[in-house]
Amino acid sequence: MQNPQTKVEAKKEAYNKSLADARAAEAKRKAEEVAARAATDKNNNTSNKGTQTVKVSDFDMPFGSMIVFMVKWAIASIPAILILMVLFFIFGGLLGIFN
């Protein structure tokens, strides 16, 4: 029969071994993740090492698509116009108070 002290130490040793295995597996997973990210970054070359100037020399858009774009643009400008009207009303009222 085993000594109770020996059983406790065996359990501690098993726990420490499983904890070490879990930490090693986590470290391996992180290392693989870092290596995969480095390979992806190297392939994509996503680093922005400076600015580039771009000059648009031509813009070709079908007429129907341009009409749809302009209608959407006009509809999207309605809230901005309403906000500006409210601001002008407020500031105009403040200026009217001082006259």
PDB file of N, CA and C in Angstrom:
ATOM      1  N   MET A   1       0.833  -1.180   0.000  1.00  0.00           N
ATOM      2  CA  MET A   1       0.000   0.000   0.000  1.00  0.00           C
ATOM      3  C   MET A   1       0.883   1.250   0.000  1.00  0.00           C
ATOM      4  N   GLN A   2       0.448   2.278  -0.795  1.00  0.00           N
ATOM      5  CA  GLN A   2       1.255   3.490  -0.906  1.00  0.00           C
ATOM      6  C   GLN A   2       0.998   4.413   0.275  1.00  0.00           C
ATOM      7  N   ASN A   3       1.999   5.127   0.582  1.00  0.00           N
ATOM      8  CA  ASN A   3       1.945   6.127   1.633  1.00  0.00           C
ATOM      9  C   ASN A   3       1.070   7.295   1.151  1.00  0.00           C
ATOM     10  N   PRO A   4       0.213   7.909   1.975  1.00  0.00           N
ATOM     11  CA  PRO A   4      -0.597   9.051   1.544  1.00  0.00           C
ATOM     12  C   PRO A   4       0.264  10.209   1.040  1.00  0.00           C
ATOM     13  N   GLN A   5       1.431  10.383   1.640  1.00  0.00           N
ATOM     14  CA  GLN A   5       2.352  11.434   1.192  1.00  0.00           C
ATOM     15  C   GLN A   5       2.804  11.146  -0.234  1.00  0.00           C
ATOM     16  N   THR A   6       3.056   9.905  -0.557  1.00  0.00           N
ATOM     17  CA  THR A   6       3.507   9.512  -1.887  1.00  0.00           C
ATOM     18  C   THR A   6       2.394   9.741  -2.904  1.00  0.00           C
ATOM     19  N   LYS A   7       1.138   9.448  -2.538  1.00  0.00           N
ATOM     20  CA  LYS A   7       0.007   9.668  -3.434  1.00  0.00           C
ATOM     21  C   LYS A   7      -0.149  11.153  -3.775  1.00  0.00           C
ATOM     22  N   VAL A   8      -0.007  11.990  -2.761  1.00  0.00           N
ATOM     23  CA  VAL A   8      -0.129  13.438  -2.972  1.00  0.00           C
ATOM     24  C   VAL A   8       0.980  13.930  -3.893  1.00  0.00           C
ATOM     25  N   GLU A   9       2.188  13.457  -3.665  1.00  0.00           N
ATOM     26  CA  GLU A   9       3.312  13.881  -4.512  1.00  0.00           C
ATOM     27  C   GLU A   9       3.149  13.365  -5.927  1.00  0.00           C
ATOM     28  N   ALA A  10       2.599  12.167  -6.089  1.00  0.00           N
ATOM     29  CA  ALA A  10       2.366  11.621  -7.430  1.00  0.00           C
ATOM     30  C   ALA A  10       1.321  12.458  -8.158  1.00  0.00           C
ATOM     31  N   LYS A  11       0.270  12.876  -7.443  1.00  0.00           N
ATOM     32  CA  LYS A  11      -0.758  13.730  -8.044  1.00  0.00           C
ATOM     33  C   LYS A  11      -0.176  15.084  -8.446  1.00  0.00           C
ATOM     34  N   LYS A  12       0.661  15.675  -7.567  1.00  0.00           N
ATOM     35  CA  LYS A  12       1.298  16.962  -7.877  1.00  0.00           C
ATOM     36  C   LYS A  12       2.186  16.833  -9.108  1.00  0.00           C
ATOM     37  N   GLU A  13       2.934  15.738  -9.170  1.00  0.00           N
ATOM     38  CA  GLU A  13       3.837  15.529 -10.299  1.00  0.00           C
ATOM     39  C   GLU A  13       3.037  15.369 -11.596  1.00  0.00           C
ATOM     40  N   ALA A  14       1.933  14.628 -11.543  1.00  0.00           N
ATOM     41  CA  ALA A  14       1.090  14.447 -12.724  1.00  0.00           C
ATOM     42  C   ALA A  14       0.469  15.776 -13.149  1.00  0.00           C
ATOM     43  N   TYR A  15       0.028  16.566 -12.169  1.00  0.00           N
ATOM     44  CA  TYR A  15      -0.551  17.872 -12.469  1.00  0.00           C
ATOM     45  C   TYR A  15       0.484  18.795 -13.110  1.00  0.00           C
ATOM     46  N   ASN A  16       1.697  18.832 -12.528  1.00  0.00           N
ATOM     47  CA  ASN A  16       2.753  19.681 -13.077  1.00  0.00           C
ATOM     48  C   ASN A  16       3.131  19.241 -14.487  1.00  0.00           C
ATOM     49  N   LYS A  17       3.126  17.924 -14.738  1.00  0.00           N
ATOM     50  CA  LYS A  17       3.464  17.429 -16.072  1.00  0.00           C
ATOM     51  C   LYS A  17       2.384  17.841 -17.064  1.00  0.00           C
ATOM     52  N   SER A  18       1.109  17.699 -16.682  1.00  0.00           N
ATOM     53  CA  SER A  18       0.030  18.081 -17.598  1.00  0.00           C
ATOM     54  C   SER A  18       0.027  19.594 -17.830  1.00  0.00           C
ATOM     55  N   LEU A  19       0.346  20.367 -16.809  1.00  0.00           N
ATOM     56  CA  LEU A  19       0.419  21.820 -16.955  1.00  0.00           C
ATOM     57  C   LEU A  19       1.559  22.203 -17.893  1.00  0.00           C
ATOM     58  N   ALA A  20       2.692  21.545 -17.754  1.00  0.00           N
ATOM     59  CA  ALA A  20       3.831  21.813 -18.633  1.00  0.00           C
ATOM     60  C   ALA A  20       3.500  21.435 -20.072  1.00  0.00           C
ATOM     61  N   ASP A  21       2.793  20.314 -20.261  1.00  0.00           N
ATOM     62  CA  ASP A  21       2.398  19.904 -21.610  1.00  0.00           C
ATOM     63  C   ASP A  21       1.440  20.927 -22.231  1.00  0.00           C
ATOM     64  N   ALA A  22       0.502  21.410 -21.423  1.00  0.00           N
ATOM     65  CA  ALA A  22      -0.448  22.405 -21.926  1.00  0.00           C
ATOM     66  C   ALA A  22       0.265  23.702 -22.302  1.00  0.00           C
ATOM     67  N   ARG A  23       1.208  24.118 -21.488  1.00  0.00           N
ATOM     68  CA  ARG A  23       1.962  25.346 -21.796  1.00  0.00           C
ATOM     69  C   ARG A  23       2.804  25.169 -23.053  1.00  0.00           C
ATOM     70  N   ALA A  24       3.402  23.988 -23.214  1.00  0.00           N
ATOM     71  CA  ALA A  24       4.206  23.729 -24.402  1.00  0.00           C
ATOM     72  C   ALA A  24       3.329  23.729 -25.654  1.00  0.00           C
ATOM     73  N   ALA A  25       2.141  23.143 -25.561  1.00  0.00           N
ATOM     74  CA  ALA A  25       1.232  23.131 -26.707  1.00  0.00           C
ATOM     75  C   ALA A  25       0.781  24.549 -27.052  1.00  0.00           C
ATOM     76  N   GLU A  26       0.500  25.368 -26.046  1.00  0.00           N
ATOM     77  CA  GLU A  26       0.095  26.755 -26.282  1.00  0.00           C
ATOM     78  C   GLU A  26       1.230  27.558 -26.917  1.00  0.00           C
ATOM     79  N   ALA A  27       2.448  27.353 -26.435  1.00  0.00           N
ATOM     80  CA  ALA A  27       3.603  28.053 -27.007  1.00  0.00           C
ATOM     81  C   ALA A  27       3.820  27.629 -28.456  1.00  0.00           C
ATOM     82  N   LYS A  28       3.638  26.345 -28.743  1.00  0.00           N
ATOM     83  CA  LYS A  28       3.801  25.856 -30.115  1.00  0.00           C
ATOM     84  C   LYS A  28       2.738  26.460 -31.024  1.00  0.00           C
ATOM     85  N   ARG A  29       1.480  26.542 -30.534  1.00  0.00           N
ATOM     86  CA  ARG A  29       0.405  27.116 -31.325  1.00  0.00           C
ATOM     87  C   ARG A  29       0.665  28.593 -31.616  1.00  0.00           C
ATOM     88  N   LYS A  30       1.140  29.322 -30.600  1.00  0.00           N
ATOM     89  CA  LYS A  30       1.443  30.741 -30.799  1.00  0.00           C
ATOM     90  C   LYS A  30       2.584  30.934 -31.788  1.00  0.00           C
ATOM     91  N   ALA A  31       3.604  30.088 -31.708  1.00  0.00           N
ATOM     92  CA  ALA A  31       4.735  30.187 -32.631  1.00  0.00           C
ATOM     93  C   ALA A  31       4.281  29.922 -34.063  1.00  0.00           C
ATOM     94  N   GLU A  32       3.394  28.931 -34.246  1.00  0.00           N
ATOM     95  CA  GLU A  32       2.879  28.651 -35.583  1.00  0.00           C
ATOM     96  C   GLU A  32       2.033  29.807 -36.094  1.00  0.00           C
ATOM     97  N   GLU A  33       1.267  30.419 -35.215  1.00  0.00           N
ATOM     98  CA  GLU A  33       0.431  31.558 -35.599  1.00  0.00           C
ATOM     99  C   GLU A  33       1.286  32.745 -36.019  1.00  0.00           C
ATOM    100  N   VAL A  34       2.345  33.014 -35.260  1.00  0.00           N
ATOM    101  CA  VAL A  34       3.249  34.116 -35.595  1.00  0.00           C
ATOM    102  C   VAL A  34       3.948  33.846 -36.926  1.00  0.00           C
ATOM    103  N   ALA A  35       4.367  32.607 -37.138  1.00  0.00           N
ATOM    104  CA  ALA A  35       5.043  32.260 -38.392  1.00  0.00           C
ATOM    105  C   ALA A  35       4.088  32.401 -39.577  1.00  0.00           C
ATOM    106  N   ALA A  36       2.835  31.979 -39.392  1.00  0.00           N
ATOM    107  CA  ALA A  36       1.855  32.109 -40.467  1.00  0.00           C
ATOM    108  C   ALA A  36       1.567  33.568 -40.769  1.00  0.00           C
ATOM    109  N   ARG A  37       1.443  34.405 -39.724  1.00  0.00           N
ATOM    110  CA  ARG A  37       1.198  35.831 -39.922  1.00  0.00           C
ATOM    111  C   ARG A  37       2.375  36.497 -40.625  1.00  0.00           C
ATOM    112  N   ALA A  38       3.595  36.110 -40.252  1.00  0.00           N
ATOM    113  CA  ALA A  38       4.781  36.690 -40.892  1.00  0.00           C
ATOM    114  C   ALA A  38       4.835  36.308 -42.363  1.00  0.00           C
ATOM    115  N   ALA A  39       4.486  35.058 -42.672  1.00  0.00           N
ATOM    116  CA  ALA A  39       4.488  34.623 -44.067  1.00  0.00           C
ATOM    117  C   ALA A  39       3.429  35.361 -44.870  1.00  0.00           C
ATOM    118  N   THR A  40       2.265  35.577 -44.273  1.00  0.00           N
ATOM    119  CA  THR A  40       1.201  36.303 -44.955  1.00  0.00           C
ATOM    120  C   THR A  40       1.607  37.748 -45.185  1.00  0.00           C
ATOM    121  N   ASP A  41       2.185  38.390 -44.184  1.00  0.00           N
ATOM    122  CA  ASP A  41       2.620  39.780 -44.330  1.00  0.00           C
ATOM    123  C   ASP A  41       3.714  39.903 -45.386  1.00  0.00           C
ATOM    124  N   LYS A  42       4.604  38.929 -45.428  1.00  0.00           N
ATOM    125  CA  LYS A  42       5.678  38.965 -46.416  1.00  0.00           C
ATOM    126  C   LYS A  42       5.119  38.825 -47.821  1.00  0.00           C
ATOM    127  N   ASN A  43       4.106  37.961 -47.981  1.00  0.00           N
ATOM    128  CA  ASN A  43       3.516  37.752 -49.303  1.00  0.00           C
ATOM    129  C   ASN A  43       2.667  38.936 -49.738  1.00  0.00           C
ATOM    130  N   ASN A  44       1.933  39.525 -48.796  1.00  0.00           N
ATOM    131  CA  ASN A  44       1.042  40.632 -49.141  1.00  0.00           C
ATOM    132  C   ASN A  44       1.772  41.960 -49.238  1.00  0.00           C
ATOM    133  N   ASN A  45       2.880  42.101 -48.540  1.00  0.00           N
ATOM    134  CA  ASN A  45       3.640  43.350 -48.495  1.00  0.00           C
ATOM    135  C   ASN A  45       2.706  44.518 -48.174  1.00  0.00           C
ATOM    136  N   THR A  46       1.980  44.381 -47.050  1.00  0.00           N
ATOM    137  CA  THR A  46       0.989  45.386 -46.677  1.00  0.00           C
ATOM    138  C   THR A  46       1.588  46.575 -45.937  1.00  0.00           C
ATOM    139  N   SER A  47       2.886  46.558 -45.722  1.00  0.00           N
ATOM    140  CA  SER A  47       3.467  47.678 -44.983  1.00  0.00           C
ATOM    141  C   SER A  47       3.449  48.935 -45.842  1.00  0.00           C
ATOM    142  N   ASN A  48       3.082  50.037 -45.242  1.00  0.00           N
ATOM    143  CA  ASN A  48       3.014  51.309 -45.932  1.00  0.00           C
ATOM    144  C   ASN A  48       4.247  52.108 -45.548  1.00  0.00           C
ATOM    145  N   LYS A  49       5.234  52.107 -46.418  1.00  0.00           N
ATOM    146  CA  LYS A  49       6.514  52.736 -46.090  1.00  0.00           C
ATOM    147  C   LYS A  49       6.601  54.171 -46.568  1.00  0.00           C
ATOM    148  N   GLY A  50       5.534  54.714 -47.046  1.00  0.00           N
ATOM    149  CA  GLY A  50       5.550  56.089 -47.516  1.00  0.00           C
ATOM    150  C   GLY A  50       4.256  56.384 -48.239  1.00  0.00           C
ATOM    151  N   THR A  51       4.168  57.560 -48.789  1.00  0.00           N
ATOM    152  CA  THR A  51       2.965  57.914 -49.519  1.00  0.00           C
ATOM    153  C   THR A  51       3.275  57.974 -50.996  1.00  0.00           C
ATOM    154  N   GLN A  52       2.254  57.702 -51.778  1.00  0.00           N
ATOM    155  CA  GLN A  52       2.387  57.788 -53.224  1.00  0.00           C
ATOM    156  C   GLN A  52       1.344  58.768 -53.728  1.00  0.00           C
ATOM    157  N   THR A  53       1.735  59.592 -54.661  1.00  0.00           N
ATOM    158  CA  THR A  53       0.771  60.503 -55.258  1.00  0.00           C
ATOM    159  C   THR A  53       0.171  59.831 -56.483  1.00  0.00           C
ATOM    160  N   VAL A  54      -1.115  60.045 -56.674  1.00  0.00           N
ATOM    161  CA  VAL A  54      -1.830  59.443 -57.790  1.00  0.00           C
ATOM    162  C   VAL A  54      -2.518  60.557 -58.558  1.00  0.00           C
ATOM    163  N   LYS A  55      -2.395  60.504 -59.873  1.00  0.00           N
ATOM    164  CA  LYS A  55      -3.055  61.478 -60.733  1.00  0.00           C
ATOM    165  C   LYS A  55      -4.043  60.725 -61.609  1.00  0.00           C
ATOM    166  N   VAL A  56      -5.325  61.077 -61.489  1.00  0.00           N
ATOM    167  CA  VAL A  56      -6.354  60.437 -62.305  1.00  0.00           C
ATOM    168  C   VAL A  56      -6.436  61.196 -63.615  1.00  0.00           C
ATOM    169  N   SER A  57      -6.183  60.497 -64.696  1.00  0.00           N
ATOM    170  CA  SER A  57      -6.189  61.168 -65.991  1.00  0.00           C
ATOM    171  C   SER A  57      -7.477  60.913 -66.776  1.00  0.00           C
ATOM    172  N   ASP A  58      -8.231  59.882 -66.413  1.00  0.00           N
ATOM    173  CA  ASP A  58      -9.474  59.590 -67.117  1.00  0.00           C
ATOM    174  C   ASP A  58     -10.413  58.856 -66.173  1.00  0.00           C
ATOM    175  N   PHE A  59     -11.696  59.086 -66.367  1.00  0.00           N
ATOM    176  CA  PHE A  59     -12.699  58.431 -65.546  1.00  0.00           C
ATOM    177  C   PHE A  59     -13.833  58.029 -66.469  1.00  0.00           C
ATOM    178  N   ASP A  60     -14.068  56.744 -66.611  1.00  0.00           N
ATOM    179  CA  ASP A  60     -15.091  56.252 -67.526  1.00  0.00           C
ATOM    180  C   ASP A  60     -16.169  55.545 -66.718  1.00  0.00           C
ATOM    181  N   MET A  61     -17.401  56.070 -66.820  1.00  0.00           N
ATOM    182  CA  MET A  61     -18.517  55.488 -66.088  1.00  0.00           C
ATOM    183  C   MET A  61     -19.735  55.517 -66.996  1.00  0.00           C
ATOM    184  N   PRO A  62     -20.460  54.405 -67.094  1.00  0.00           N
ATOM    185  CA  PRO A  62     -21.656  54.407 -67.948  1.00  0.00           C
ATOM    186  C   PRO A  62     -22.676  55.440 -67.471  1.00  0.00           C
ATOM    187  N   PHE A  63     -23.428  55.985 -68.414  1.00  0.00           N
ATOM    188  CA  PHE A  63     -24.358  57.071 -68.102  1.00  0.00           C
ATOM    189  C   PHE A  63     -25.420  56.638 -67.094  1.00  0.00           C
ATOM    190  N   GLY A  64     -25.973  55.453 -67.260  1.00  0.00           N
ATOM    191  CA  GLY A  64     -27.001  54.966 -66.340  1.00  0.00           C
ATOM    192  C   GLY A  64     -26.476  54.823 -64.921  1.00  0.00           C
ATOM    193  N   SER A  65     -25.261  54.305 -64.779  1.00  0.00           N
ATOM    194  CA  SER A  65     -24.657  54.167 -63.457  1.00  0.00           C
ATOM    195  C   SER A  65     -24.394  55.529 -62.834  1.00  0.00           C
ATOM    196  N   MET A  66     -24.028  56.506 -63.690  1.00  0.00           N
ATOM    197  CA  MET A  66     -23.769  57.844 -63.176  1.00  0.00           C
ATOM    198  C   MET A  66     -25.061  58.487 -62.661  1.00  0.00           C
ATOM    199  N   ILE A  67     -26.174  58.259 -63.365  1.00  0.00           N
ATOM    200  CA  ILE A  67     -27.465  58.802 -62.919  1.00  0.00           C
ATOM    201  C   ILE A  67     -27.838  58.202 -61.564  1.00  0.00           C
ATOM    202  N   VAL A  68     -27.702  56.873 -61.424  1.00  0.00           N
ATOM    203  CA  VAL A  68     -28.024  56.206 -60.165  1.00  0.00           C
ATOM    204  C   VAL A  68     -27.148  56.757 -59.049  1.00  0.00           C
ATOM    205  N   PHE A  69     -25.846  56.933 -59.336  1.00  0.00           N
ATOM    206  CA  PHE A  69     -24.923  57.479 -58.337  1.00  0.00           C
ATOM    207  C   PHE A  69     -25.331  58.880 -57.904  1.00  0.00           C
ATOM    208  N   MET A  70     -25.697  59.719 -58.869  1.00  0.00           N
ATOM    209  CA  MET A  70     -26.063  61.098 -58.542  1.00  0.00           C
ATOM    210  C   MET A  70     -27.377  61.167 -57.757  1.00  0.00           C
ATOM    211  N   VAL A  71     -28.319  60.279 -58.048  1.00  0.00           N
ATOM    212  CA  VAL A  71     -29.581  60.251 -57.294  1.00  0.00           C
ATOM    213  C   VAL A  71     -29.304  59.835 -55.851  1.00  0.00           C
ATOM    214  N   LYS A  72     -28.471  58.803 -55.674  1.00  0.00           N
ATOM    215  CA  LYS A  72     -28.103  58.379 -54.314  1.00  0.00           C
ATOM    216  C   LYS A  72     -27.385  59.501 -53.571  1.00  0.00           C
ATOM    217  N   TRP A  73     -26.526  60.220 -54.272  1.00  0.00           N
ATOM    218  CA  TRP A  73     -25.783  61.331 -53.677  1.00  0.00           C
ATOM    219  C   TRP A  73     -26.749  62.423 -53.219  1.00  0.00           C
ATOM    220  N   ALA A  74     -27.735  62.734 -54.051  1.00  0.00           N
ATOM    221  CA  ALA A  74     -28.708  63.768 -53.704  1.00  0.00           C
ATOM    222  C   ALA A  74     -29.542  63.347 -52.491  1.00  0.00           C
ATOM    223  N   ILE A  75     -29.948  62.079 -52.450  1.00  0.00           N
ATOM    224  CA  ILE A  75     -30.737  61.596 -51.312  1.00  0.00           C
ATOM    225  C   ILE A  75     -29.898  61.621 -50.033  1.00  0.00           C
ATOM    226  N   ALA A  76     -28.621  61.272 -50.153  1.00  0.00           N
ATOM    227  CA  ALA A  76     -27.752  61.264 -48.979  1.00  0.00           C
ATOM    228  C   ALA A  76     -27.464  62.682 -48.477  1.00  0.00           C
ATOM    229  N   SER A  77     -27.608  63.694 -49.332  1.00  0.00           N
ATOM    230  CA  SER A  77     -27.312  65.062 -48.904  1.00  0.00           C
ATOM    231  C   SER A  77     -28.469  65.702 -48.140  1.00  0.00           C
ATOM    232  N   ILE A  78     -29.656  65.098 -48.164  1.00  0.00           N
ATOM    233  CA  ILE A  78     -30.825  65.681 -47.493  1.00  0.00           C
ATOM    234  C   ILE A  78     -30.591  65.859 -45.987  1.00  0.00           C
ATOM    235  N   PRO A  79     -30.088  64.847 -45.262  1.00  0.00           N
ATOM    236  CA  PRO A  79     -29.841  65.073 -43.827  1.00  0.00           C
ATOM    237  C   PRO A  79     -28.833  66.196 -43.567  1.00  0.00           C
ATOM    238  N   ALA A  80     -27.816  66.310 -44.423  1.00  0.00           N
ATOM    239  CA  ALA A  80     -26.832  67.381 -44.236  1.00  0.00           C
ATOM    240  C   ALA A  80     -27.487  68.746 -44.436  1.00  0.00           C
ATOM    241  N   ILE A  81     -28.356  68.852 -45.401  1.00  0.00           N
ATOM    242  CA  ILE A  81     -29.048  70.123 -45.639  1.00  0.00           C
ATOM    243  C   ILE A  81     -29.933  70.472 -44.445  1.00  0.00           C
ATOM    244  N   LEU A  82     -30.631  69.472 -43.906  1.00  0.00           N
ATOM    245  CA  LEU A  82     -31.480  69.727 -42.736  1.00  0.00           C
ATOM    246  C   LEU A  82     -30.658  70.191 -41.532  1.00  0.00           C
ATOM    247  N   ILE A  83     -29.523  69.566 -41.307  1.00  0.00           N
ATOM    248  CA  ILE A  83     -28.656  69.970 -40.188  1.00  0.00           C
ATOM    249  C   ILE A  83     -28.166  71.398 -40.384  1.00  0.00           C
ATOM    250  N   LEU A  84     -27.755  71.720 -41.610  1.00  0.00           N
ATOM    251  CA  LEU A  84     -27.294  73.092 -41.883  1.00  0.00           C
ATOM    252  C   LEU A  84     -28.421  74.103 -41.695  1.00  0.00           C
ATOM    253  N   MET A  85     -29.639  73.749 -42.090  1.00  0.00           N
ATOM    254  CA  MET A  85     -30.770  74.665 -41.907  1.00  0.00           C
ATOM    255  C   MET A  85     -31.009  74.930 -40.416  1.00  0.00           C
ATOM    256  N   VAL A  86     -30.943  73.885 -39.603  1.00  0.00           N
ATOM    257  CA  VAL A  86     -31.133  74.058 -38.163  1.00  0.00           C
ATOM    258  C   VAL A  86     -30.033  74.952 -37.586  1.00  0.00           C
ATOM    259  N   LEU A  87     -28.791  74.715 -37.990  1.00  0.00           N
ATOM    260  CA  LEU A  87     -27.685  75.546 -37.486  1.00  0.00           C
ATOM    261  C   LEU A  87     -27.845  77.007 -37.903  1.00  0.00           C
ATOM    262  N   PHE A  88     -28.215  77.246 -39.174  1.00  0.00           N
ATOM    263  CA  PHE A  88     -28.413  78.623 -39.625  1.00  0.00           C
ATOM    264  C   PHE A  88     -29.570  79.282 -38.872  1.00  0.00           C
ATOM    265  N   PHE A  89     -30.617  78.522 -38.589  1.00  0.00           N
ATOM    266  CA  PHE A  89     -31.749  79.059 -37.846  1.00  0.00           C
ATOM    267  C   PHE A  89     -31.321  79.458 -36.437  1.00  0.00           C
ATOM    268  N   ILE A  90     -30.529  78.594 -35.795  1.00  0.00           N
ATOM    269  CA  ILE A  90     -30.071  78.894 -34.430  1.00  0.00           C
ATOM    270  C   ILE A  90     -29.165  80.120 -34.423  1.00  0.00           C
ATOM    271  N   PHE A  91     -28.159  80.134 -35.300  1.00  0.00           N
ATOM    272  CA  PHE A  91     -27.230  81.275 -35.319  1.00  0.00           C
ATOM    273  C   PHE A  91     -27.908  82.554 -35.796  1.00  0.00           C
ATOM    274  N   GLY A  92     -28.837  82.414 -36.738  1.00  0.00           N
ATOM    275  CA  GLY A  92     -29.592  83.585 -37.170  1.00  0.00           C
ATOM    276  C   GLY A  92     -30.444  84.137 -36.050  1.00  0.00           C
ATOM    277  N   GLY A  93     -31.028  83.277 -35.257  1.00  0.00           N
ATOM    278  CA  GLY A  93     -31.820  83.729 -34.105  1.00  0.00           C
ATOM    279  C   GLY A  93     -30.941  84.407 -33.071  1.00  0.00           C
ATOM    280  N   LEU A  94     -29.742  83.860 -32.856  1.00  0.00           N
ATOM    281  CA  LEU A  94     -28.829  84.504 -31.912  1.00  0.00           C
ATOM    282  C   LEU A  94     -28.403  85.883 -32.403  1.00  0.00           C
ATOM    283  N   LEU A  95     -28.150  86.005 -33.705  1.00  0.00           N
ATOM    284  CA  LEU A  95     -27.772  87.315 -34.239  1.00  0.00           C
ATOM    285  C   LEU A  95     -28.953  88.292 -34.172  1.00  0.00           C
ATOM    286  N   GLY A  96     -30.170  87.791 -34.347  1.00  0.00           N
ATOM    287  CA  GLY A  96     -31.373  88.643 -34.250  1.00  0.00           C
ATOM    288  C   GLY A  96     -31.595  89.165 -32.847  1.00  0.00           C
ATOM    289  N   ILE A  97     -31.169  88.406 -31.853  1.00  0.00           N
ATOM    290  CA  ILE A  97     -31.318  88.852 -30.471  1.00  0.00           C
ATOM    291  C   ILE A  97     -30.442  90.070 -30.203  1.00  0.00           C
ATOM    292  N   PHE A  98     -29.246  90.085 -30.785  1.00  0.00           N
ATOM    293  CA  PHE A  98     -28.282  91.155 -30.506  1.00  0.00           C
ATOM    294  C   PHE A  98     -28.559  92.430 -31.308  1.00  0.00           C
ATOM    295  N   ASN A  99     -29.460  92.406 -32.270  1.00  0.00           N
ATOM    296  CA  ASN A  99     -29.752  93.605 -33.073  1.00  0.00           C
ATOM    297  C   ASN A  99     -30.764  94.476 -32.430  1.00  0.00           C
TER     298      ASN A  99
END
